[in-house]
PDB file of N, CA and C in Angstrom:
ATOM      1  N   UNK A   1       0.952  -1.336  -0.120  1.00  0.00           N
ATOM      2  CA  UNK A   1       0.104   0.195   0.133  1.00  0.00           C
ATOM      3  C   UNK A   1       0.779   1.304  -0.031  1.00  0.00           C
ATOM      4  N   UNK A   2       0.332   2.322  -0.770  1.00  0.00           N
ATOM      5  CA  UNK A   2       1.195   3.667  -0.775  1.00  0.00           C
ATOM      6  C   UNK A   2       1.173   4.316   0.617  1.00  0.00           C
ATOM      7  N   UNK A   3       2.424   4.867   1.070  1.00  0.00           N
ATOM      8  CA  UNK A   3       2.401   5.514   2.080  1.00  0.00           C
ATOM      9  C   UNK A   3       1.414   6.859   1.800  1.00  0.00           C
ATOM     10  N   UNK A   4       0.857   7.339   3.055  1.00  0.00           N
ATOM     11  CA  UNK A   4      -0.444   8.287   3.281  1.00  0.00           C
ATOM     12  C   UNK A   4       0.215   9.568   2.606  1.00  0.00           C
ATOM     13  N   UNK A   5       1.757   9.964   2.815  1.00  0.00           N
ATOM     14  CA  UNK A   5       2.033  11.163   2.362  1.00  0.00           C
ATOM     15  C   UNK A   5       2.629  11.135   0.952  1.00  0.00           C
ATOM     16  N   UNK A   6       2.671   9.830   0.527  1.00  0.00           N
ATOM     17  CA  UNK A   6       3.102   9.752  -1.090  1.00  0.00           C
ATOM     18  C   UNK A   6       1.764  10.212  -1.922  1.00  0.00           C
ATOM     19  N   UNK A   7       0.536   9.635  -1.550  1.00  0.00           N
ATOM     20  CA  UNK A   7      -0.681   9.646  -2.065  1.00  0.00           C
ATOM     21  C   UNK A   7      -0.953  11.206  -2.951  1.00  0.00           C
ATOM     22  N   UNK A   8      -0.703  11.957  -2.176  1.00  0.00           N
ATOM     23  CA  UNK A   8      -1.004  13.567  -2.702  1.00  0.00           C
ATOM     24  C   UNK A   8      -0.184  13.743  -3.957  1.00  0.00           C
ATOM     25  N   UNK A   9       0.969  13.256  -3.737  1.00  0.00           N
ATOM     26  CA  UNK A   9       1.854  13.520  -4.634  1.00  0.00           C
ATOM     27  C   UNK A   9       1.541  12.714  -6.111  1.00  0.00           C
ATOM     28  N   UNK A  10       1.237  11.354  -5.731  1.00  0.00           N
ATOM     29  CA  UNK A  10       0.560  10.489  -6.755  1.00  0.00           C
ATOM     30  C   UNK A  10      -0.548  11.154  -7.449  1.00  0.00           C
ATOM     31  N   UNK A  11      -1.498  11.676  -6.885  1.00  0.00           N
ATOM     32  CA  UNK A  11      -2.771  12.251  -7.380  1.00  0.00           C
ATOM     33  C   UNK A  11      -2.147  13.547  -8.080  1.00  0.00           C
ATOM     34  N   UNK A  12      -1.304  14.413  -7.650  1.00  0.00           N
ATOM     35  CA  UNK A  12      -1.138  15.536  -8.362  1.00  0.00           C
ATOM     36  C   UNK A  12      -0.367  15.076  -9.707  1.00  0.00           C
ATOM     37  N   UNK A  13       0.573  14.090  -9.447  1.00  0.00           N
ATOM     38  CA  UNK A  13       1.147  13.705 -10.788  1.00  0.00           C
ATOM     39  C   UNK A  13      -0.009  12.989 -11.965  1.00  0.00           C
ATOM     40  N   UNK A  14      -0.893  12.277 -11.382  1.00  0.00           N
ATOM     41  CA  UNK A  14      -1.710  11.656 -12.461  1.00  0.00           C
ATOM     42  C   UNK A  14      -2.386  12.620 -12.978  1.00  0.00           C
ATOM     43  N   UNK A  15      -2.929  13.847 -12.049  1.00  0.00           N
ATOM     44  CA  UNK A  15      -3.766  14.844 -12.744  1.00  0.00           C
ATOM     45  C   UNK A  15      -2.620  15.508 -13.820  1.00  0.00           C
ATOM     46  N   UNK A  16      -1.663  15.632 -13.572  1.00  0.00           N
ATOM     47  CA  UNK A  16      -0.895  16.447 -14.583  1.00  0.00           C
ATOM     48  C   UNK A  16      -0.640  15.747 -15.706  1.00  0.00           C
ATOM     49  N   UNK A  17      -0.361  14.331 -15.802  1.00  0.00           N
ATOM     50  CA  UNK A  17      -0.131  13.596 -16.929  1.00  0.00           C
ATOM     51  C   UNK A  17      -1.565  13.322 -17.705  1.00  0.00           C
ATOM     52  N   UNK A  18      -2.867  13.463 -16.860  1.00  0.00           N
ATOM     53  CA  UNK A  18      -4.291  13.019 -17.625  1.00  0.00           C
ATOM     54  C   UNK A  18      -4.274  14.029 -18.689  1.00  0.00           C
ATOM     55  N   UNK A  19      -3.936  14.972 -18.774  1.00  0.00           N
ATOM     56  CA  UNK A  19      -4.267  15.727 -20.045  1.00  0.00           C
ATOM     57  C   UNK A  19      -3.430  15.315 -21.288  1.00  0.00           C
ATOM     58  N   UNK A  20      -4.035  15.090 -22.642  1.00  0.00           N
ATOM     59  CA  UNK A  20      -3.113  14.796 -23.744  1.00  0.00           C
ATOM     60  C   UNK A  20      -2.402  15.755 -24.132  1.00  0.00           C
ATOM     61  N   UNK A  21      -2.700  17.003 -24.030  1.00  0.00           N
ATOM     62  CA  UNK A  21      -1.526  18.031 -24.213  1.00  0.00           C
ATOM     63  C   UNK A  21      -0.404  18.118 -23.640  1.00  0.00           C
ATOM     64  N   UNK A  22      -0.612  17.829 -22.245  1.00  0.00           N
ATOM     65  CA  UNK A  22       0.752  17.803 -21.325  1.00  0.00           C
ATOM     66  C   UNK A  22       1.218  16.640 -21.866  1.00  0.00           C
ATOM     67  N   UNK A  23       0.795  15.306 -21.890  1.00  0.00           N
ATOM     68  CA  UNK A  23       1.650  14.323 -22.646  1.00  0.00           C
ATOM     69  C   UNK A  23       2.364  14.616 -23.762  1.00  0.00           C
ATOM     70  N   UNK A  24       1.822  15.286 -24.730  1.00  0.00           N
ATOM     71  CA  UNK A  24       2.445  15.760 -25.700  1.00  0.00           C
ATOM     72  C   UNK A  24       3.703  16.551 -25.371  1.00  0.00           C
ATOM     73  N   UNK A  25       3.274  17.617 -24.629  1.00  0.00           N
ATOM     74  CA  UNK A  25       4.425  18.199 -24.193  1.00  0.00           C
ATOM     75  C   UNK A  25       5.635  17.574 -23.434  1.00  0.00           C
ATOM     76  N   UNK A  26       5.195  16.684 -22.585  1.00  0.00           N
ATOM     77  CA  UNK A  26       6.277  15.519 -22.003  1.00  0.00           C
ATOM     78  C   UNK A  26       7.111  14.887 -23.272  1.00  0.00           C
ATOM     79  N   UNK A  27       6.334  14.548 -23.728  1.00  0.00           N
ATOM     80  CA  UNK A  27       7.041  13.524 -24.998  1.00  0.00           C
ATOM     81  C   UNK A  27       8.150  14.693 -25.722  1.00  0.00           C
ATOM     82  N   UNK A  28       7.806  16.041 -26.209  1.00  0.00           N
ATOM     83  CA  UNK A  28       8.665  16.820 -26.744  1.00  0.00           C
ATOM     84  C   UNK A  28       9.826  17.127 -26.037  1.00  0.00           C
ATOM     85  N   UNK A  29       9.714  16.922 -24.682  1.00  0.00           N
ATOM     86  CA  UNK A  29      10.769  17.104 -23.649  1.00  0.00           C
ATOM     87  C   UNK A  29      11.566  15.997 -23.634  1.00  0.00           C
ATOM     88  N   UNK A  30      11.143  14.754 -23.840  1.00  0.00           N
ATOM     89  CA  UNK A  30      11.887  13.944 -23.846  1.00  0.00           C
ATOM     90  C   UNK A  30      12.881  13.735 -25.212  1.00  0.00           C
ATOM     91  N   UNK A  31      12.631  14.325 -26.253  1.00  0.00           N
ATOM     92  CA  UNK A  31      13.484  14.477 -27.387  1.00  0.00           C
ATOM     93  C   UNK A  31      14.752  15.063 -26.974  1.00  0.00           C
ATOM     94  N   UNK A  32      15.886  14.691 -27.513  1.00  0.00           N
ATOM     95  CA  UNK A  32      17.235  15.106 -27.189  1.00  0.00           C
ATOM     96  C   UNK A  32      17.781  16.170 -28.491  1.00  0.00           C
ATOM     97  N   UNK A  33      18.097  17.164 -27.976  1.00  0.00           N
ATOM     98  CA  UNK A  33      18.548  18.336 -29.046  1.00  0.00           C
ATOM     99  C   UNK A  33      17.239  18.838 -29.466  1.00  0.00           C
ATOM    100  N   UNK A  34      17.542  19.548 -30.754  1.00  0.00           N
ATOM    101  CA  UNK A  34      16.483  20.147 -31.406  1.00  0.00           C
ATOM    102  C   UNK A  34      15.912  21.565 -30.915  1.00  0.00           C
ATOM    103  N   UNK A  35      16.353  22.023 -29.856  1.00  0.00           N
ATOM    104  CA  UNK A  35      16.039  23.275 -29.167  1.00  0.00           C
ATOM    105  C   UNK A  35      16.698  24.296 -30.087  1.00  0.00           C
ATOM    106  N   UNK A  36      16.098  25.386 -29.509  1.00  0.00           N
ATOM    107  CA  UNK A  36      16.496  26.907 -30.410  1.00  0.00           C
ATOM    108  C   UNK A  36      17.777  27.207 -30.403  1.00  0.00           C
ATOM    109  N   UNK A  37      18.548  26.817 -29.366  1.00  0.00           N
ATOM    110  CA  UNK A  37      19.989  27.237 -29.309  1.00  0.00           C
ATOM    111  C   UNK A  37      20.734  26.213 -29.285  1.00  0.00           C
ATOM    112  N   UNK A  38      20.469  24.922 -29.533  1.00  0.00           N
ATOM    113  CA  UNK A  38      21.413  23.703 -29.674  1.00  0.00           C
ATOM    114  C   UNK A  38      21.727  23.179 -28.487  1.00  0.00           C
ATOM    115  N   UNK A  39      21.003  23.227 -27.115  1.00  0.00           N
ATOM    116  CA  UNK A  39      21.377  22.736 -26.016  1.00  0.00           C
ATOM    117  C   UNK A  39      21.026  21.015 -25.980  1.00  0.00           C
ATOM    118  N   UNK A  40      21.648  20.271 -25.205  1.00  0.00           N
ATOM    119  CA  UNK A  40      21.324  18.981 -25.242  1.00  0.00           C
ATOM    120  C   UNK A  40      19.899  18.670 -25.041  1.00  0.00           C
ATOM    121  N   UNK A  41      19.578  19.060 -23.637  1.00  0.00           N
ATOM    122  CA  UNK A  41      18.303  19.071 -23.192  1.00  0.00           C
ATOM    123  C   UNK A  41      17.680  19.915 -22.754  1.00  0.00           C
ATOM    124  N   UNK A  42      16.355  20.038 -22.793  1.00  0.00           N
ATOM    125  CA  UNK A  42      15.422  21.261 -22.240  1.00  0.00           C
ATOM    126  C   UNK A  42      15.138  21.724 -23.762  1.00  0.00           C
ATOM    127  N   UNK A  43      13.883  22.371 -23.239  1.00  0.00           N
ATOM    128  CA  UNK A  43      13.086  23.114 -24.301  1.00  0.00           C
ATOM    129  C   UNK A  43      12.711  24.597 -23.513  1.00  0.00           C
ATOM    130  N   UNK A  44      12.667  25.926 -24.417  1.00  0.00           N
ATOM    131  CA  UNK A  44      12.304  27.093 -23.922  1.00  0.00           C
ATOM    132  C   UNK A  44      10.921  26.998 -23.997  1.00  0.00           C
ATOM    133  N   UNK A  45       9.895  27.744 -23.588  1.00  0.00           N
ATOM    134  CA  UNK A  45       8.579  27.929 -23.847  1.00  0.00           C
ATOM    135  C   UNK A  45       8.033  28.070 -25.449  1.00  0.00           C
ATOM    136  N   UNK A  46       9.150  28.809 -26.431  1.00  0.00           N
ATOM    137  CA  UNK A  46       8.920  29.033 -27.566  1.00  0.00           C
ATOM    138  C   UNK A  46       9.127  27.595 -28.437  1.00  0.00           C
ATOM    139  N   UNK A  47      10.167  26.833 -27.960  1.00  0.00           N
ATOM    140  CA  UNK A  47      10.373  25.450 -28.595  1.00  0.00           C
ATOM    141  C   UNK A  47       9.154  24.809 -28.307  1.00  0.00           C
ATOM    142  N   UNK A  48       8.683  24.903 -27.081  1.00  0.00           N
ATOM    143  CA  UNK A  48       7.490  24.078 -26.789  1.00  0.00           C
ATOM    144  C   UNK A  48       6.285  24.387 -27.721  1.00  0.00           C
ATOM    145  N   UNK A  49       5.931  25.749 -27.873  1.00  0.00           N
ATOM    146  CA  UNK A  49       4.921  26.034 -28.564  1.00  0.00           C
ATOM    147  C   UNK A  49       4.889  25.703 -29.921  1.00  0.00           C
ATOM    148  N   UNK A  50       6.303  25.829 -30.592  1.00  0.00           N
ATOM    149  CA  UNK A  50       6.633  25.243 -31.981  1.00  0.00           C
ATOM    150  C   UNK A  50       6.286  23.819 -32.302  1.00  0.00           C
ATOM    151  N   UNK A  51       6.566  22.967 -31.335  1.00  0.00           N
ATOM    152  CA  UNK A  51       6.502  21.437 -31.163  1.00  0.00           C
ATOM    153  C   UNK A  51       5.329  20.901 -30.984  1.00  0.00           C
ATOM    154  N   UNK A  52       4.450  21.639 -30.178  1.00  0.00           N
ATOM    155  CA  UNK A  52       3.151  21.040 -30.065  1.00  0.00           C
ATOM    156  C   UNK A  52       2.034  21.834 -30.789  1.00  0.00           C
ATOM    157  N   UNK A  53       2.282  23.062 -31.474  1.00  0.00           N
ATOM    158  CA  UNK A  53       1.624  23.882 -32.016  1.00  0.00           C
ATOM    159  C   UNK A  53       0.564  24.464 -31.173  1.00  0.00           C
ATOM    160  N   UNK A  54       0.680  25.269 -30.341  1.00  0.00           N
ATOM    161  CA  UNK A  54      -0.054  25.605 -29.332  1.00  0.00           C
ATOM    162  C   UNK A  54       0.627  27.279 -28.921  1.00  0.00           C
ATOM    163  N   UNK A  55      -0.534  27.850 -28.586  1.00  0.00           N
ATOM    164  CA  UNK A  55      -0.107  29.512 -28.052  1.00  0.00           C
ATOM    165  C   UNK A  55       0.719  29.631 -27.033  1.00  0.00           C
ATOM    166  N   UNK A  56       1.140  30.502 -26.839  1.00  0.00           N
ATOM    167  CA  UNK A  56       2.266  30.912 -25.628  1.00  0.00           C
ATOM    168  C   UNK A  56       1.000  30.815 -24.236  1.00  0.00           C
ATOM    169  N   UNK A  57       0.221  31.365 -24.338  1.00  0.00           N
ATOM    170  CA  UNK A  57      -0.784  31.428 -23.013  1.00  0.00           C
ATOM    171  C   UNK A  57      -1.221  30.108 -22.659  1.00  0.00           C
ATOM    172  N   UNK A  58      -1.461  29.144 -23.728  1.00  0.00           N
ATOM    173  CA  UNK A  58      -1.912  27.699 -23.627  1.00  0.00           C
ATOM    174  C   UNK A  58      -0.629  27.027 -23.036  1.00  0.00           C
ATOM    175  N   UNK A  59       0.516  27.289 -23.595  1.00  0.00           N
ATOM    176  CA  UNK A  59       1.802  26.458 -23.186  1.00  0.00           C
ATOM    177  C   UNK A  59       2.054  26.953 -21.539  1.00  0.00           C
ATOM    178  N   UNK A  60       2.003  28.043 -21.365  1.00  0.00           N
ATOM    179  CA  UNK A  60       2.225  28.547 -20.174  1.00  0.00           C
ATOM    180  C   UNK A  60       1.239  27.842 -19.085  1.00  0.00           C
ATOM    181  N   UNK A  61      -0.080  28.116 -19.473  1.00  0.00           N
ATOM    182  CA  UNK A  61      -1.099  27.261 -18.524  1.00  0.00           C
ATOM    183  C   UNK A  61      -0.673  25.871 -18.390  1.00  0.00           C
ATOM    184  N   UNK A  62      -0.038  25.102 -19.193  1.00  0.00           N
ATOM    185  CA  UNK A  62      -0.039  23.376 -19.272  1.00  0.00           C
ATOM    186  C   UNK A  62       1.402  23.498 -18.207  1.00  0.00           C
ATOM    187  N   UNK A  63       2.300  24.389 -18.572  1.00  0.00           N
ATOM    188  CA  UNK A  63       3.602  24.199 -17.970  1.00  0.00           C
ATOM    189  C   UNK A  63       3.517  24.556 -16.609  1.00  0.00           C
ATOM    190  N   UNK A  64       2.608  25.435 -16.094  1.00  0.00           N
ATOM    191  CA  UNK A  64       2.590  25.926 -14.647  1.00  0.00           C
ATOM    192  C   UNK A  64       1.823  24.514 -13.884  1.00  0.00           C
ATOM    193  N   UNK A  65       1.319  23.770 -14.584  1.00  0.00           N
ATOM    194  CA  UNK A  65       0.462  22.520 -14.037  1.00  0.00           C
ATOM    195  C   UNK A  65       1.511  21.540 -13.939  1.00  0.00           C
ATOM    196  N   UNK A  66       2.359  21.313 -14.611  1.00  0.00           N
ATOM    197  CA  UNK A  66       3.412  20.426 -14.975  1.00  0.00           C
ATOM    198  C   UNK A  66       4.405  20.651 -13.847  1.00  0.00           C
ATOM    199  N   UNK A  67       4.764  21.814 -13.769  1.00  0.00           N
ATOM    200  CA  UNK A  67       5.887  22.493 -12.881  1.00  0.00           C
ATOM    201  C   UNK A  67       5.251  22.343 -11.463  1.00  0.00           C
ATOM    202  N   UNK A  68       3.843  22.467 -10.984  1.00  0.00           N
ATOM    203  CA  UNK A  68       3.293  22.579  -9.781  1.00  0.00           C
ATOM    204  C   UNK A  68       3.414  21.053  -9.498  1.00  0.00           C
ATOM    205  N   UNK A  69       3.286  20.052 -10.167  1.00  0.00           N
ATOM    206  CA  UNK A  69       3.344  18.729  -9.997  1.00  0.00           C
ATOM    207  C   UNK A  69       4.775  18.085  -9.705  1.00  0.00           C
ATOM    208  N   UNK A  70       5.805  19.098 -10.090  1.00  0.00           N
ATOM    209  CA  UNK A  70       7.161  18.526 -10.125  1.00  0.00           C
ATOM    210  C   UNK A  70       7.553  17.747 -11.251  1.00  0.00           C
ATOM    211  N   UNK A  71       6.580  17.522 -12.226  1.00  0.00           N
ATOM    212  CA  UNK A  71       6.718  16.630 -13.455  1.00  0.00           C
ATOM    213  C   UNK A  71       7.742  17.141 -14.397  1.00  0.00           C
ATOM    214  N   UNK A  72       8.053  18.548 -14.444  1.00  0.00           N
ATOM    215  CA  UNK A  72       9.066  19.377 -15.276  1.00  0.00           C
ATOM    216  C   UNK A  72       9.721  20.304 -14.323  1.00  0.00           C
ATOM    217  N   UNK A  73      10.988  20.495 -14.559  1.00  0.00           N
ATOM    218  CA  UNK A  73      11.829  21.254 -13.889  1.00  0.00           C
ATOM    219  C   UNK A  73      12.090  22.650 -14.643  1.00  0.00           C
ATOM    220  N   UNK A  74      11.872  23.617 -14.196  1.00  0.00           N
ATOM    221  CA  UNK A  74      12.266  25.067 -14.842  1.00  0.00           C
ATOM    222  C   UNK A  74      13.501  25.611 -14.499  1.00  0.00           C
ATOM    223  N   UNK A  75      14.125  26.121 -15.304  1.00  0.00           N
ATOM    224  CA  UNK A  75      15.271  27.124 -14.908  1.00  0.00           C
ATOM    225  C   UNK A  75      15.209  28.306 -15.821  1.00  0.00           C
ATOM    226  N   UNK A  76      15.601  29.602 -15.086  1.00  0.00           N
ATOM    227  CA  UNK A  76      15.629  30.700 -15.634  1.00  0.00           C
ATOM    228  C   UNK A  76      17.207  30.968 -16.450  1.00  0.00           C
ATOM    229  N   UNK A  77      17.537  30.947 -17.590  1.00  0.00           N
ATOM    230  CA  UNK A  77      18.634  31.674 -17.982  1.00  0.00           C
ATOM    231  C   UNK A  77      18.427  32.856 -18.775  1.00  0.00           C
ATOM    232  N   UNK A  78      18.888  33.945 -18.178  1.00  0.00           N
ATOM    233  CA  UNK A  78      18.734  35.311 -19.000  1.00  0.00           C
ATOM    234  C   UNK A  78      17.091  35.671 -19.180  1.00  0.00           C
ATOM    235  N   UNK A  79      16.639  35.745 -20.341  1.00  0.00           N
ATOM    236  CA  UNK A  79      15.262  35.981 -20.704  1.00  0.00           C
ATOM    237  C   UNK A  79      14.499  34.924 -20.633  1.00  0.00           C
ATOM    238  N   UNK A  80      15.188  33.646 -20.791  1.00  0.00           N
ATOM    239  CA  UNK A  80      14.401  32.387 -21.106  1.00  0.00           C
ATOM    240  C   UNK A  80      14.242  31.607 -19.846  1.00  0.00           C
ATOM    241  N   UNK A  81      13.167  30.878 -19.987  1.00  0.00           N
ATOM    242  CA  UNK A  81      13.017  29.890 -18.987  1.00  0.00           C
ATOM    243  C   UNK A  81      12.944  28.333 -19.434  1.00  0.00           C
ATOM    244  N   UNK A  82      13.954  27.448 -19.082  1.00  0.00           N
ATOM    245  CA  UNK A  82      14.189  26.146 -19.952  1.00  0.00           C
ATOM    246  C   UNK A  82      13.562  25.463 -18.946  1.00  0.00           C
ATOM    247  N   UNK A  83      12.761  24.264 -19.758  1.00  0.00           N
ATOM    248  CA  UNK A  83      12.040  23.279 -18.864  1.00  0.00           C
ATOM    249  C   UNK A  83      12.593  21.996 -19.418  1.00  0.00           C
ATOM    250  N   UNK A  84      12.835  21.026 -18.373  1.00  0.00           N
ATOM    251  CA  UNK A  84      13.197  19.609 -18.981  1.00  0.00           C
ATOM    252  C   UNK A  84      12.154  18.792 -17.695  1.00  0.00           C
ATOM    253  N   UNK A  85      12.100  17.425 -18.112  1.00  0.00           N
ATOM    254  CA  UNK A  85      11.448  16.546 -17.435  1.00  0.00           C
ATOM    255  C   UNK A  85      12.339  16.304 -16.249  1.00  0.00           C
ATOM    256  N   UNK A  86      11.399  15.983 -14.962  1.00  0.00           N
ATOM    257  CA  UNK A  86      11.773  15.465 -13.969  1.00  0.00           C
ATOM    258  C   UNK A  86      11.786  13.808 -13.974  1.00  0.00           C
ATOM    259  N   UNK A  87      13.037  13.298 -14.278  1.00  0.00           N
ATOM    260  CA  UNK A  87      12.977  11.995 -14.742  1.00  0.00           C
ATOM    261  C   UNK A  87      12.960  11.068 -13.307  1.00  0.00           C
ATOM    262  N   UNK A  88      13.683  11.777 -12.358  1.00  0.00           N
ATOM    263  CA  UNK A  88      13.641  10.920 -11.068  1.00  0.00           C
ATOM    264  C   UNK A  88      12.205  10.752 -10.732  1.00  0.00           C
ATOM    265  N   UNK A  89      11.530  11.887 -10.373  1.00  0.00           N
ATOM    266  CA  UNK A  89      10.028  11.874 -10.327  1.00  0.00           C
ATOM    267  C   UNK A  89       9.263  11.100 -10.916  1.00  0.00           C
ATOM    268  N   UNK A  90       9.473  11.095 -12.460  1.00  0.00           N
ATOM    269  CA  UNK A  90       8.314  10.353 -13.028  1.00  0.00           C
ATOM    270  C   UNK A  90       8.659   8.798 -12.893  1.00  0.00           C
ATOM    271  N   UNK A  91       9.993   8.171 -12.431  1.00  0.00           N
ATOM    272  CA  UNK A  91      10.292   6.842 -12.192  1.00  0.00           C
ATOM    273  C   UNK A  91       9.736   6.719 -10.973  1.00  0.00           C
ATOM    274  N   UNK A  92       9.916   7.532  -9.878  1.00  0.00           N
ATOM    275  CA  UNK A  92       9.346   7.349  -8.709  1.00  0.00           C
ATOM    276  C   UNK A  92       7.687   7.068  -8.677  1.00  0.00           C
ATOM    277  N   UNK A  93       6.954   7.995  -9.483  1.00  0.00           N
ATOM    278  CA  UNK A  93       5.758   7.907  -9.314  1.00  0.00           C
ATOM    279  C   UNK A  93       5.304   6.776 -10.061  1.00  0.00           C
ATOM    280  N   UNK A  94       5.997   6.240 -11.138  1.00  0.00           N
ATOM    281  CA  UNK A  94       5.795   4.907 -11.886  1.00  0.00           C
ATOM    282  C   UNK A  94       5.675   3.719 -10.810  1.00  0.00           C
ATOM    283  N   UNK A  95       6.802   3.686 -10.079  1.00  0.00           N
ATOM    284  CA  UNK A  95       6.988   2.541  -9.053  1.00  0.00           C
ATOM    285  C   UNK A  95       5.829   2.853  -8.055  1.00  0.00           C
ATOM    286  N   UNK A  96       5.352   3.840  -7.570  1.00  0.00           N
ATOM    287  CA  UNK A  96       4.532   4.150  -6.697  1.00  0.00           C
ATOM    288  C   UNK A  96       3.090   3.747  -7.428  1.00  0.00           C
ATOM    289  N   UNK A  97       2.866   4.014  -8.510  1.00  0.00           N
ATOM    290  CA  UNK A  97       1.678   3.629  -9.440  1.00  0.00           C
ATOM    291  C   UNK A  97       1.612   1.911  -9.308  1.00  0.00           C
ATOM    292  N   UNK A  98       2.605   1.456  -9.693  1.00  0.00           N
ATOM    293  CA  UNK A  98       2.448  -0.094  -9.327  1.00  0.00           C
ATOM    294  C   UNK A  98       2.340  -0.564  -8.439  1.00  0.00           C
ATOM    295  N   UNK A  99       2.704  -0.045  -7.357  1.00  0.00           N
ATOM    296  CA  UNK A  99       2.326  -0.502  -5.898  1.00  0.00           C
ATOM    297  C   UNK A  99       0.991  -0.593  -5.720  1.00  0.00           C
ATOM    298  N   UNK A 100       0.429   0.879  -5.800  1.00  0.00           N
ATOM    299  CA  UNK A 100      -0.800   1.059  -5.499  1.00  0.00           C
ATOM    300  C   UNK A 100      -1.925   0.377  -6.225  1.00  0.00           C
ATOM    301  N   UNK A 101      -1.636  -0.078  -7.820  1.00  0.00           N
ATOM    302  CA  UNK A 101      -2.563  -0.655  -8.572  1.00  0.00           C
ATOM    303  C   UNK A 101      -2.224  -2.348  -7.959  1.00  0.00           C
TER     304      UNK A 101
END
């Protein structure tokens, strides 16, 4: 059985990945390279907008949800905000889900 304190994290995680648009964003973040300045990992909001064909406000909305659930990590570099998947948390939540089900 899942520990009581892990359940809210799992609920938040499942809510964050339940939306097909957010799963498309996570898939885009999984790809290596291909961002606007040649970094190996991570995408800025503009890169995400281009890849998933969404407007900036829509991307911002979805990124807030993913970031609040800790599914993505954000780092500010100059004027840009770079996003990458939190692979450690994703793996942990997958283990918790297997235990729960």
